[in-house]
Full PDB file with SEQRES, HELIX, SHEET, SSBOND, CRYST1, ORIGX, SCALE, CONECT and MASTER records, all heavy atoms in Angstrom:
SEQRES   1 A   41  ILE SER SER MET TRP GLY HIS VAL ALA GLY GLY PHE SER          
SEQRES   2 A   41  GLY ASN VAL SER TYR HIS ALA THR LYS GLY ALA VAL VAL          
SEQRES   3 A   41  MET LEU THR LYS ALA LEU ALA VAL GLU TRP GLY ARG HIS          
SEQRES   4 A   41  GLY ILE                                                      
HELIX    1 AA1 MET A    4  GLY A    6  5                                   3    
HELIX    2 AA2 VAL A   16  TRP A   36  1                                  21    
HELIX    3 AA3 GLY A   37  HIS A   39  5                                   3    
CRYST1    1.000    1.000    1.000  90.00  90.00  90.00 P 1           1          
ORIGX1      1.000000  0.000000  0.000000        0.00000                         
ORIGX2      0.000000  1.000000  0.000000        0.00000                         
ORIGX3      0.000000  0.000000  1.000000        0.00000                         
SCALE1      1.000000  0.000000  0.000000        0.00000                         
SCALE2      0.000000  1.000000  0.000000        0.00000                         
SCALE3      0.000000  0.000000  1.000000        0.00000                         
ATOM      1  N   ILE A   1       0.860  -1.179   0.000  1.00  0.00           N  
ATOM      2  CA  ILE A   1       0.000   0.000   0.000  1.00  0.00           C  
ATOM      3  C   ILE A   1       0.899   1.232   0.000  1.00  0.00           C  
ATOM      4  O   ILE A   1       1.578   1.527   0.989  1.00  0.00           O  
ATOM      5  CB  ILE A   1      -0.948   0.018   1.216  1.00  0.00           C  
ATOM      6  CG1 ILE A   1      -1.803  -1.253   1.234  1.00  0.00           C  
ATOM      7  CG2 ILE A   1      -1.841   1.267   1.158  1.00  0.00           C  
ATOM      8  CD1 ILE A   1      -2.664  -1.483   0.002  1.00  0.00           C  
ATOM      9  N   SER A   2       0.919   1.921  -1.113  1.00  0.00           N  
ATOM     10  CA  SER A   2       1.693   3.154  -1.229  1.00  0.00           C  
ATOM     11  C   SER A   2       0.733   4.328  -1.044  1.00  0.00           C  
ATOM     12  O   SER A   2      -0.011   4.361  -0.070  1.00  0.00           O  
ATOM     13  CB  SER A   2       2.437   3.208  -2.567  1.00  0.00           C  
ATOM     14  OG  SER A   2       1.534   3.184  -3.659  1.00  0.00           O  
ATOM     15  N   SER A   3       0.729   5.263  -1.955  1.00  0.00           N  
ATOM     16  CA  SER A   3      -0.142   6.432  -1.863  1.00  0.00           C  
ATOM     17  C   SER A   3       0.006   7.228  -3.152  1.00  0.00           C  
ATOM     18  O   SER A   3       1.049   7.159  -3.814  1.00  0.00           O  
ATOM     19  CB  SER A   3       0.263   7.312  -0.672  1.00  0.00           C  
ATOM     20  OG  SER A   3      -0.424   8.558  -0.689  1.00  0.00           O  
ATOM     21  N   MET A   4      -1.025   7.995  -3.475  1.00  0.00           N  
ATOM     22  CA  MET A   4      -0.839   8.919  -4.606  1.00  0.00           C  
ATOM     23  C   MET A   4       0.272   9.906  -4.281  1.00  0.00           C  
ATOM     24  O   MET A   4       0.907  10.462  -5.179  1.00  0.00           O  
ATOM     25  CB  MET A   4      -2.135   9.651  -4.934  1.00  0.00           C  
ATOM     26  CG  MET A   4      -2.635  10.630  -3.897  1.00  0.00           C  
ATOM     27  SD  MET A   4      -4.188  11.386  -4.456  1.00  0.00           S  
ATOM     28  CE  MET A   4      -4.435  12.619  -3.174  1.00  0.00           C  
ATOM     29  N   TRP A   5       0.566  10.103  -2.964  1.00  0.00           N  
ATOM     30  CA  TRP A   5       1.658  10.988  -2.572  1.00  0.00           C  
ATOM     31  C   TRP A   5       3.024  10.343  -2.825  1.00  0.00           C  
ATOM     32  O   TRP A   5       4.049  10.962  -2.609  1.00  0.00           O  
ATOM     33  CB  TRP A   5       1.540  11.385  -1.105  1.00  0.00           C  
ATOM     34  CG  TRP A   5       0.312  12.180  -0.789  1.00  0.00           C  
ATOM     35  CD1 TRP A   5      -0.538  11.972   0.257  1.00  0.00           C  
ATOM     36  CD2 TRP A   5      -0.217  13.311  -1.500  1.00  0.00           C  
ATOM     37  NE1 TRP A   5      -1.565  12.882   0.234  1.00  0.00           N  
ATOM     38  CE2 TRP A   5      -1.388  13.719  -0.840  1.00  0.00           C  
ATOM     39  CE3 TRP A   5       0.176  13.994  -2.651  1.00  0.00           C  
ATOM     40  CZ2 TRP A   5      -2.168  14.785  -1.275  1.00  0.00           C  
ATOM     41  CZ3 TRP A   5      -0.601  15.062  -3.092  1.00  0.00           C  
ATOM     42  CH2 TRP A   5      -1.749  15.445  -2.410  1.00  0.00           C  
ATOM     43  N   GLY A   6       3.029   9.132  -3.314  1.00  0.00           N  
ATOM     44  CA  GLY A   6       4.260   8.542  -3.810  1.00  0.00           C  
ATOM     45  C   GLY A   6       4.498   8.861  -5.267  1.00  0.00           C  
ATOM     46  O   GLY A   6       5.552   8.542  -5.816  1.00  0.00           O  
ATOM     47  N   HIS A   7       3.506   9.521  -5.901  1.00  0.00           N  
ATOM     48  CA  HIS A   7       3.596   9.895  -7.308  1.00  0.00           C  
ATOM     49  C   HIS A   7       3.650  11.407  -7.514  1.00  0.00           C  
ATOM     50  O   HIS A   7       4.288  11.890  -8.443  1.00  0.00           O  
ATOM     51  CB  HIS A   7       2.383   9.339  -8.076  1.00  0.00           C  
ATOM     52  CG  HIS A   7       2.365   7.853  -8.179  1.00  0.00           C  
ATOM     53  ND1 HIS A   7       2.856   7.173  -9.277  1.00  0.00           N  
ATOM     54  CD2 HIS A   7       1.918   6.895  -7.332  1.00  0.00           C  
ATOM     55  CE1 HIS A   7       2.716   5.872  -9.100  1.00  0.00           C  
ATOM     56  NE2 HIS A   7       2.139   5.676  -7.920  1.00  0.00           N  
ATOM     57  N   VAL A   8       2.952  12.144  -6.664  1.00  0.00           N  
ATOM     58  CA  VAL A   8       2.920  13.600  -6.755  1.00  0.00           C  
ATOM     59  C   VAL A   8       3.083  14.175  -5.353  1.00  0.00           C  
ATOM     60  O   VAL A   8       2.824  13.498  -4.357  1.00  0.00           O  
ATOM     61  CB  VAL A   8       1.599  14.116  -7.375  1.00  0.00           C  
ATOM     62  CG1 VAL A   8       1.463  13.661  -8.822  1.00  0.00           C  
ATOM     63  CG2 VAL A   8       0.395  13.658  -6.548  1.00  0.00           C  
ATOM     64  N   ALA A   9       3.509  15.423  -5.271  1.00  0.00           N  
ATOM     65  CA  ALA A   9       3.681  16.078  -3.975  1.00  0.00           C  
ATOM     66  C   ALA A   9       2.408  16.810  -3.579  1.00  0.00           C  
ATOM     67  O   ALA A   9       1.665  17.296  -4.436  1.00  0.00           O  
ATOM     68  CB  ALA A   9       4.854  17.056  -4.020  1.00  0.00           C  
ATOM     69  N   GLY A  10       2.160  16.889  -2.280  1.00  0.00           N  
ATOM     70  CA  GLY A  10       0.993  17.601  -1.779  1.00  0.00           C  
ATOM     71  C   GLY A  10       1.416  18.796  -0.953  1.00  0.00           C  
ATOM     72  O   GLY A  10       2.366  18.718  -0.179  1.00  0.00           O  
ATOM     73  N   GLY A  11       0.708  19.887  -1.095  1.00  0.00           N  
ATOM     74  CA  GLY A  11       1.134  21.117  -0.441  1.00  0.00           C  
ATOM     75  C   GLY A  11       0.251  21.573   0.686  1.00  0.00           C  
ATOM     76  O   GLY A  11       0.191  22.769   0.988  1.00  0.00           O  
ATOM     77  N   PHE A  12      -0.460  20.641   1.346  1.00  0.00           N  
ATOM     78  CA  PHE A  12      -1.404  21.051   2.386  1.00  0.00           C  
ATOM     79  C   PHE A  12      -0.738  21.236   3.738  1.00  0.00           C  
ATOM     80  O   PHE A  12      -1.137  22.053   4.536  1.00  0.00           O  
ATOM     81  CB  PHE A  12      -2.541  20.030   2.502  1.00  0.00           C  
ATOM     82  CG  PHE A  12      -3.245  19.806   1.202  1.00  0.00           C  
ATOM     83  CD1 PHE A  12      -3.155  18.596   0.539  1.00  0.00           C  
ATOM     84  CD2 PHE A  12      -3.968  20.827   0.597  1.00  0.00           C  
ATOM     85  CE1 PHE A  12      -3.793  18.394  -0.665  1.00  0.00           C  
ATOM     86  CE2 PHE A  12      -4.600  20.636  -0.610  1.00  0.00           C  
ATOM     87  CZ  PHE A  12      -4.508  19.419  -1.244  1.00  0.00           C  
ATOM     88  N   SER A  13       0.280  20.461   4.015  1.00  0.00           N  
ATOM     89  CA  SER A  13       1.010  20.590   5.278  1.00  0.00           C  
ATOM     90  C   SER A  13       2.303  19.817   5.142  1.00  0.00           C  
ATOM     91  O   SER A  13       2.462  18.982   4.258  1.00  0.00           O  
ATOM     92  CB  SER A  13       0.182  20.036   6.448  1.00  0.00           C  
ATOM     93  OG  SER A  13      -0.083  18.661   6.268  1.00  0.00           O  
ATOM     94  N   GLY A  14       3.256  20.091   6.023  1.00  0.00           N  
ATOM     95  CA  GLY A  14       4.525  19.391   5.963  1.00  0.00           C  
ATOM     96  C   GLY A  14       4.354  17.907   6.225  1.00  0.00           C  
ATOM     97  O   GLY A  14       3.849  17.520   7.277  1.00  0.00           O  
ATOM     98  N   ASN A  15       4.747  17.097   5.279  1.00  0.00           N  
ATOM     99  CA  ASN A  15       4.600  15.647   5.438  1.00  0.00           C  
ATOM    100  C   ASN A  15       5.670  14.934   4.619  1.00  0.00           C  
ATOM    101  O   ASN A  15       5.417  13.946   3.960  1.00  0.00           O  
ATOM    102  CB  ASN A  15       3.202  15.212   4.986  1.00  0.00           C  
ATOM    103  CG  ASN A  15       2.754  13.919   5.655  1.00  0.00           C  
ATOM    104  OD1 ASN A  15       3.448  13.376   6.505  1.00  0.00           O  
ATOM    105  ND2 ASN A  15       1.603  13.422   5.253  1.00  0.00           N  
ATOM    106  N   VAL A  16       6.892  15.489   4.661  1.00  0.00           N  
ATOM    107  CA  VAL A  16       7.939  15.041   3.740  1.00  0.00           C  
ATOM    108  C   VAL A  16       8.324  13.591   3.968  1.00  0.00           C  
ATOM    109  O   VAL A  16       8.620  12.868   2.998  1.00  0.00           O  
ATOM    110  CB  VAL A  16       9.174  15.967   3.844  1.00  0.00           C  
ATOM    111  CG1 VAL A  16       9.861  15.820   5.195  1.00  0.00           C  
ATOM    112  CG2 VAL A  16      10.149  15.701   2.710  1.00  0.00           C  
ATOM    113  N   SER A  17       8.309  13.114   5.198  1.00  0.00           N  
ATOM    114  CA  SER A  17       8.704  11.727   5.445  1.00  0.00           C  
ATOM    115  C   SER A  17       7.690  10.754   4.849  1.00  0.00           C  
ATOM    116  O   SER A  17       8.076   9.687   4.341  1.00  0.00           O  
ATOM    117  CB  SER A  17       8.862  11.474   6.944  1.00  0.00           C  
ATOM    118  OG  SER A  17       7.684  11.807   7.647  1.00  0.00           O  
ATOM    119  N   TYR A  18       6.422  11.120   4.877  1.00  0.00           N  
ATOM    120  CA  TYR A  18       5.390  10.269   4.291  1.00  0.00           C  
ATOM    121  C   TYR A  18       5.560  10.221   2.779  1.00  0.00           C  
ATOM    122  O   TYR A  18       5.546   9.146   2.160  1.00  0.00           O  
ATOM    123  CB  TYR A  18       4.005  10.799   4.665  1.00  0.00           C  
ATOM    124  CG  TYR A  18       2.868   9.885   4.263  1.00  0.00           C  
ATOM    125  CD1 TYR A  18       2.522   8.810   5.063  1.00  0.00           C  
ATOM    126  CD2 TYR A  18       2.146  10.093   3.095  1.00  0.00           C  
ATOM    127  CE1 TYR A  18       1.468   7.962   4.720  1.00  0.00           C  
ATOM    128  CE2 TYR A  18       1.100   9.261   2.731  1.00  0.00           C  
ATOM    129  CZ  TYR A  18       0.765   8.196   3.545  1.00  0.00           C  
ATOM    130  OH  TYR A  18      -0.260   7.355   3.196  1.00  0.00           O  
ATOM    131  N   HIS A  19       5.727  11.408   2.147  1.00  0.00           N  
ATOM    132  CA  HIS A  19       5.932  11.451   0.697  1.00  0.00           C  
ATOM    133  C   HIS A  19       7.141  10.627   0.294  1.00  0.00           C  
ATOM    134  O   HIS A  19       7.092   9.842  -0.668  1.00  0.00           O  
ATOM    135  CB  HIS A  19       6.133  12.900   0.238  1.00  0.00           C  
ATOM    136  CG  HIS A  19       4.876  13.693   0.139  1.00  0.00           C  
ATOM    137  ND1 HIS A  19       4.238  14.198   1.235  1.00  0.00           N  
ATOM    138  CD2 HIS A  19       4.144  14.078  -0.939  1.00  0.00           C  
ATOM    139  CE1 HIS A  19       3.174  14.863   0.849  1.00  0.00           C  
ATOM    140  NE2 HIS A  19       3.087  14.795  -0.471  1.00  0.00           N  
ATOM    141  N   ALA A  20       8.243  10.813   0.999  1.00  0.00           N  
ATOM    142  CA  ALA A  20       9.479  10.130   0.631  1.00  0.00           C  
ATOM    143  C   ALA A  20       9.354   8.618   0.752  1.00  0.00           C  
ATOM    144  O   ALA A  20       9.809   7.870  -0.122  1.00  0.00           O  
ATOM    145  CB  ALA A  20      10.622  10.636   1.504  1.00  0.00           C  
ATOM    146  N   THR A  21       8.744   8.161   1.835  1.00  0.00           N  
ATOM    147  CA  THR A  21       8.636   6.713   2.027  1.00  0.00           C  
ATOM    148  C   THR A  21       7.649   6.089   1.051  1.00  0.00           C  
ATOM    149  O   THR A  21       7.888   4.982   0.551  1.00  0.00           O  
ATOM    150  CB  THR A  21       8.222   6.378   3.467  1.00  0.00           C  
ATOM    151  OG1 THR A  21       7.042   7.115   3.834  1.00  0.00           O  
ATOM    152  CG2 THR A  21       9.332   6.729   4.439  1.00  0.00           C  
ATOM    153  N   LYS A  22       6.558   6.768   0.758  1.00  0.00           N  
ATOM    154  CA  LYS A  22       5.597   6.194  -0.184  1.00  0.00           C  
ATOM    155  C   LYS A  22       6.157   6.184  -1.611  1.00  0.00           C  
ATOM    156  O   LYS A  22       5.908   5.255  -2.382  1.00  0.00           O  
ATOM    157  CB  LYS A  22       4.269   6.950  -0.118  1.00  0.00           C  
ATOM    158  CG  LYS A  22       3.524   6.756   1.198  1.00  0.00           C  
ATOM    159  CD  LYS A  22       3.234   5.290   1.480  1.00  0.00           C  
ATOM    160  CE  LYS A  22       2.414   5.092   2.741  1.00  0.00           C  
ATOM    161  NZ  LYS A  22       2.097   3.675   3.003  1.00  0.00           N  
ATOM    162  N   GLY A  23       6.942   7.202  -1.965  1.00  0.00           N  
ATOM    163  CA  GLY A  23       7.614   7.171  -3.254  1.00  0.00           C  
ATOM    164  C   GLY A  23       8.607   6.022  -3.317  1.00  0.00           C  
ATOM    165  O   GLY A  23       8.743   5.346  -4.348  1.00  0.00           O  
ATOM    166  N   ALA A  24       9.297   5.779  -2.217  1.00  0.00           N  
ATOM    167  CA  ALA A  24      10.244   4.670  -2.163  1.00  0.00           C  
ATOM    168  C   ALA A  24       9.529   3.323  -2.276  1.00  0.00           C  
ATOM    169  O   ALA A  24      10.056   2.388  -2.897  1.00  0.00           O  
ATOM    170  CB  ALA A  24      11.045   4.738  -0.869  1.00  0.00           C  
ATOM    171  N   VAL A  25       8.344   3.215  -1.706  1.00  0.00           N  
ATOM    172  CA  VAL A  25       7.585   1.964  -1.811  1.00  0.00           C  
ATOM    173  C   VAL A  25       7.217   1.683  -3.269  1.00  0.00           C  
ATOM    174  O   VAL A  25       7.253   0.527  -3.727  1.00  0.00           O  
ATOM    175  CB  VAL A  25       6.326   2.015  -0.919  1.00  0.00           C  
ATOM    176  CG1 VAL A  25       5.360   0.886  -1.259  1.00  0.00           C  
ATOM    177  CG2 VAL A  25       6.718   1.939   0.549  1.00  0.00           C  
ATOM    178  N   VAL A  26       6.863   2.731  -4.022  1.00  0.00           N  
ATOM    179  CA  VAL A  26       6.551   2.547  -5.448  1.00  0.00           C  
ATOM    180  C   VAL A  26       7.756   1.967  -6.179  1.00  0.00           C  
ATOM    181  O   VAL A  26       7.626   1.029  -6.976  1.00  0.00           O  
ATOM    182  CB  VAL A  26       6.109   3.879  -6.079  1.00  0.00           C  
ATOM    183  CG1 VAL A  26       5.979   3.742  -7.596  1.00  0.00           C  
ATOM    184  CG2 VAL A  26       4.779   4.340  -5.477  1.00  0.00           C  
ATOM    185  N   MET A  27       8.947   2.485  -5.921  1.00  0.00           N  
ATOM    186  CA  MET A  27      10.139   1.973  -6.603  1.00  0.00           C  
ATOM    187  C   MET A  27      10.564   0.628  -6.048  1.00  0.00           C  
ATOM    188  O   MET A  27      11.038  -0.242  -6.800  1.00  0.00           O  
ATOM    189  CB  MET A  27      11.277   2.989  -6.496  1.00  0.00           C  
ATOM    190  CG  MET A  27      12.506   2.588  -7.301  1.00  0.00           C  
ATOM    191  SD  MET A  27      12.159   2.124  -9.030  1.00  0.00           S  
ATOM    192  CE  MET A  27      11.641   3.719  -9.680  1.00  0.00           C  
ATOM    193  N   LEU A  28      10.402   0.405  -4.753  1.00  0.00           N  
ATOM    194  CA  LEU A  28      10.690  -0.907  -4.176  1.00  0.00           C  
ATOM    195  C   LEU A  28       9.814  -1.970  -4.834  1.00  0.00           C  
ATOM    196  O   LEU A  28      10.282  -3.080  -5.138  1.00  0.00           O  
ATOM    197  CB  LEU A  28      10.446  -0.878  -2.667  1.00  0.00           C  
ATOM    198  CG  LEU A  28      10.642  -2.196  -1.905  1.00  0.00           C  
ATOM    199  CD1 LEU A  28      12.088  -2.665  -1.983  1.00  0.00           C  
ATOM    200  CD2 LEU A  28      10.210  -2.034  -0.444  1.00  0.00           C  
ATOM    201  N   THR A  29       8.569  -1.630  -5.061  1.00  0.00           N  
ATOM    202  CA  THR A  29       7.645  -2.541  -5.735  1.00  0.00           C  
ATOM    203  C   THR A  29       8.183  -2.944  -7.100  1.00  0.00           C  
ATOM    204  O   THR A  29       8.201  -4.131  -7.462  1.00  0.00           O  
ATOM    205  CB  THR A  29       6.265  -1.873  -5.883  1.00  0.00           C  
ATOM    206  OG1 THR A  29       5.709  -1.641  -4.579  1.00  0.00           O  
ATOM    207  CG2 THR A  29       5.316  -2.729  -6.689  1.00  0.00           C  
ATOM    208  N   LYS A  30       8.624  -1.980  -7.875  1.00  0.00           N  
ATOM    209  CA  LYS A  30       9.152  -2.272  -9.212  1.00  0.00           C  
ATOM    210  C   LYS A  30      10.401  -3.145  -9.137  1.00  0.00           C  
ATOM    211  O   LYS A  30      10.562  -4.111  -9.895  1.00  0.00           O  
ATOM    212  CB  LYS A  30       9.461  -0.965  -9.947  1.00  0.00           C  
ATOM    213  CG  LYS A  30       8.248  -0.111 -10.262  1.00  0.00           C  
ATOM    214  CD  LYS A  30       8.676   1.190 -10.931  1.00  0.00           C  
ATOM    215  CE  LYS A  30       7.481   2.108 -11.171  1.00  0.00           C  
ATOM    216  NZ  LYS A  30       6.560   1.555 -12.180  1.00  0.00           N  
ATOM    217  N   ALA A  31      11.306  -2.800  -8.223  1.00  0.00           N  
ATOM    218  CA  ALA A  31      12.554  -3.550  -8.107  1.00  0.00           C  
ATOM    219  C   ALA A  31      12.297  -5.007  -7.721  1.00  0.00           C  
ATOM    220  O   ALA A  31      12.902  -5.934  -8.284  1.00  0.00           O  
ATOM    221  CB  ALA A  31      13.472  -2.875  -7.089  1.00  0.00           C  
ATOM    222  N   LEU A  32      11.409  -5.233  -6.763  1.00  0.00           N  
ATOM    223  CA  LEU A  32      11.110  -6.594  -6.345  1.00  0.00           C  
ATOM    224  C   LEU A  32      10.378  -7.361  -7.439  1.00  0.00           C  
ATOM    225  O   LEU A  32      10.596  -8.571  -7.612  1.00  0.00           O  
ATOM    226  CB  LEU A  32      10.286  -6.583  -5.066  1.00  0.00           C  
ATOM    227  CG  LEU A  32      10.974  -6.022  -3.818  1.00  0.00           C  
ATOM    228  CD1 LEU A  32      10.035  -6.078  -2.616  1.00  0.00           C  
ATOM    229  CD2 LEU A  32      12.272  -6.752  -3.515  1.00  0.00           C  
ATOM    230  N   ALA A  33       9.504  -6.673  -8.172  1.00  0.00           N  
ATOM    231  CA  ALA A  33       8.786  -7.330  -9.268  1.00  0.00           C  
ATOM    232  C   ALA A  33       9.759  -7.854 -10.314  1.00  0.00           C  
ATOM    233  O   ALA A  33       9.609  -8.971 -10.831  1.00  0.00           O  
ATOM    234  CB  ALA A  33       7.798  -6.348  -9.901  1.00  0.00           C  
ATOM    235  N   VAL A  34      10.758  -7.060 -10.634  1.00  0.00           N  
ATOM    236  CA  VAL A  34      11.749  -7.480 -11.629  1.00  0.00           C  
ATOM    237  C   VAL A  34      12.615  -8.615 -11.082  1.00  0.00           C  
ATOM    238  O   VAL A  34      12.900  -9.602 -11.771  1.00  0.00           O  
ATOM    239  CB  VAL A  34      12.624  -6.281 -12.055  1.00  0.00           C  
ATOM    240  CG1 VAL A  34      13.790  -6.737 -12.924  1.00  0.00           C  
ATOM    241  CG2 VAL A  34      11.774  -5.247 -12.800  1.00  0.00           C  
ATOM    242  N   GLU A  35      13.016  -8.500  -9.818  1.00  0.00           N  
ATOM    243  CA  GLU A  35      13.899  -9.511  -9.229  1.00  0.00           C  
ATOM    244  C   GLU A  35      13.217 -10.856  -9.065  1.00  0.00           C  
ATOM    245  O   GLU A  35      13.824 -11.916  -9.305  1.00  0.00           O  
ATOM    246  CB  GLU A  35      14.410  -9.014  -7.879  1.00  0.00           C  
ATOM    247  CG  GLU A  35      15.365  -9.975  -7.187  1.00  0.00           C  
ATOM    248  CD  GLU A  35      15.916  -9.430  -5.882  1.00  0.00           C  
ATOM    249  OE1 GLU A  35      15.675  -8.244  -5.576  1.00  0.00           O  
ATOM    250  OE2 GLU A  35      16.598 -10.197  -5.172  1.00  0.00           O  
ATOM    251  N   TRP A  36      11.953 -10.843  -8.642  1.00  0.00           N  
ATOM    252  CA  TRP A  36      11.278 -12.089  -8.283  1.00  0.00           C  
ATOM    253  C   TRP A  36      10.309 -12.589  -9.342  1.00  0.00           C  
ATOM    254  O   TRP A  36       9.719 -13.672  -9.184  1.00  0.00           O  
ATOM    255  CB  TRP A  36      10.534 -11.902  -6.965  1.00  0.00           C  
ATOM    256  CG  TRP A  36      11.444 -11.748  -5.782  1.00  0.00           C  
ATOM    257  CD1 TRP A  36      12.739 -12.170  -5.669  1.00  0.00           C  
ATOM    258  CD2 TRP A  36      11.116 -11.133  -4.525  1.00  0.00           C  
ATOM    259  NE1 TRP A  36      13.245 -11.862  -4.437  1.00  0.00           N  
ATOM    260  CE2 TRP A  36      12.286 -11.223  -3.704  1.00  0.00           C  
ATOM    261  CE3 TRP A  36       9.974 -10.520  -4.010  1.00  0.00           C  
ATOM    262  CZ2 TRP A  36      12.315 -10.724  -2.398  1.00  0.00           C  
ATOM    263  CZ3 TRP A  36      10.004 -10.014  -2.716  1.00  0.00           C  
ATOM    264  CH2 TRP A  36      11.163 -10.113  -1.925  1.00  0.00           C  
ATOM    265  N   GLY A  37      10.131 -11.847 -10.416  1.00  0.00           N  
ATOM    266  CA  GLY A  37       9.145 -12.245 -11.421  1.00  0.00           C  
ATOM    267  C   GLY A  37       9.369 -13.638 -11.985  1.00  0.00           C  
ATOM    268  O   GLY A  37       8.424 -14.419 -12.149  1.00  0.00           O  
ATOM    269  N   ARG A  38      10.604 -13.978 -12.295  1.00  0.00           N  
ATOM    270  CA  ARG A  38      10.905 -15.289 -12.873  1.00  0.00           C  
ATOM    271  C   ARG A  38      10.755 -16.425 -11.866  1.00  0.00           C  
ATOM    272  O   ARG A  38      10.864 -17.600 -12.234  1.00  0.00           O  
ATOM    273  CB  ARG A  38      12.306 -15.292 -13.481  1.00  0.00           C  
ATOM    274  CG  ARG A  38      12.419 -14.385 -14.699  1.00  0.00           C  
ATOM    275  CD  ARG A  38      13.749 -14.534 -15.409  1.00  0.00           C  
ATOM    276  NE  ARG A  38      13.821 -13.629 -16.542  1.00  0.00           N  
ATOM    277  CZ  ARG A  38      13.327 -13.891 -17.751  1.00  0.00           C  
ATOM    278  NH1 ARG A  38      12.721 -15.052 -17.964  1.00  0.00           N  
ATOM    279  NH2 ARG A  38      13.429 -13.021 -18.737  1.00  0.00           N  
ATOM    280  N   HIS A  39      10.526 -16.071 -10.631  1.00  0.00           N  
ATOM    281  CA  HIS A  39      10.296 -17.075  -9.595  1.00  0.00           C  
ATOM    282  C   HIS A  39       8.804 -17.203  -9.256  1.00  0.00           C  
ATOM    283  O   HIS A  39       8.446 -17.815  -8.246  1.00  0.00           O  
ATOM    284  CB  HIS A  39      11.087 -16.722  -8.341  1.00  0.00           C  
ATOM    285  CG  HIS A  39      12.554 -16.637  -8.573  1.00  0.00           C  
ATOM    286  ND1 HIS A  39      13.366 -17.747  -8.693  1.00  0.00           N  
ATOM    287  CD2 HIS A  39      13.372 -15.556  -8.741  1.00  0.00           C  
ATOM    288  CE1 HIS A  39      14.618 -17.369  -8.905  1.00  0.00           C  
ATOM    289  NE2 HIS A  39      14.647 -16.047  -8.938  1.00  0.00           N  
ATOM    290  N   GLY A  40       7.953 -16.609 -10.072  1.00  0.00           N  
ATOM    291  CA  GLY A  40       6.512 -16.753  -9.895  1.00  0.00           C  
ATOM    292  C   GLY A  40       5.885 -15.816  -8.891  1.00  0.00           C  
ATOM    293  O   GLY A  40       4.718 -15.997  -8.516  1.00  0.00           O  
ATOM    294  N   ILE A  41       6.635 -14.811  -8.438  1.00  0.00           N  
ATOM    295  CA  ILE A  41       6.099 -13.868  -7.452  1.00  0.00           C  
ATOM    296  C   ILE A  41       5.772 -12.553  -8.140  1.00  0.00           C  
ATOM    297  O   ILE A  41       6.626 -11.958  -8.807  1.00  0.00           O  
ATOM    298  CB  ILE A  41       7.113 -13.616  -6.321  1.00  0.00           C  
ATOM    299  CG1 ILE A  41       7.460 -14.936  -5.623  1.00  0.00           C  
ATOM    300  CG2 ILE A  41       6.556 -12.604  -5.313  1.00  0.00           C  
ATOM    301  CD1 ILE A  41       8.573 -14.807  -4.593  1.00  0.00           C  
TER     302      ILE A  41                                                      
MASTER        0    0    0    3    0    0    0    6  301    1    0    4          
END                                                                             
């Protein structure tokens, strides 16, 4: 579970750690998909 704030920034209040971690989850998802895809995951 990431967030749209992993794709775009929001300007309603300071929440930089949430944005940064959710953006990282989006890329972590891609990296794991590529690494484990041939293993059926």
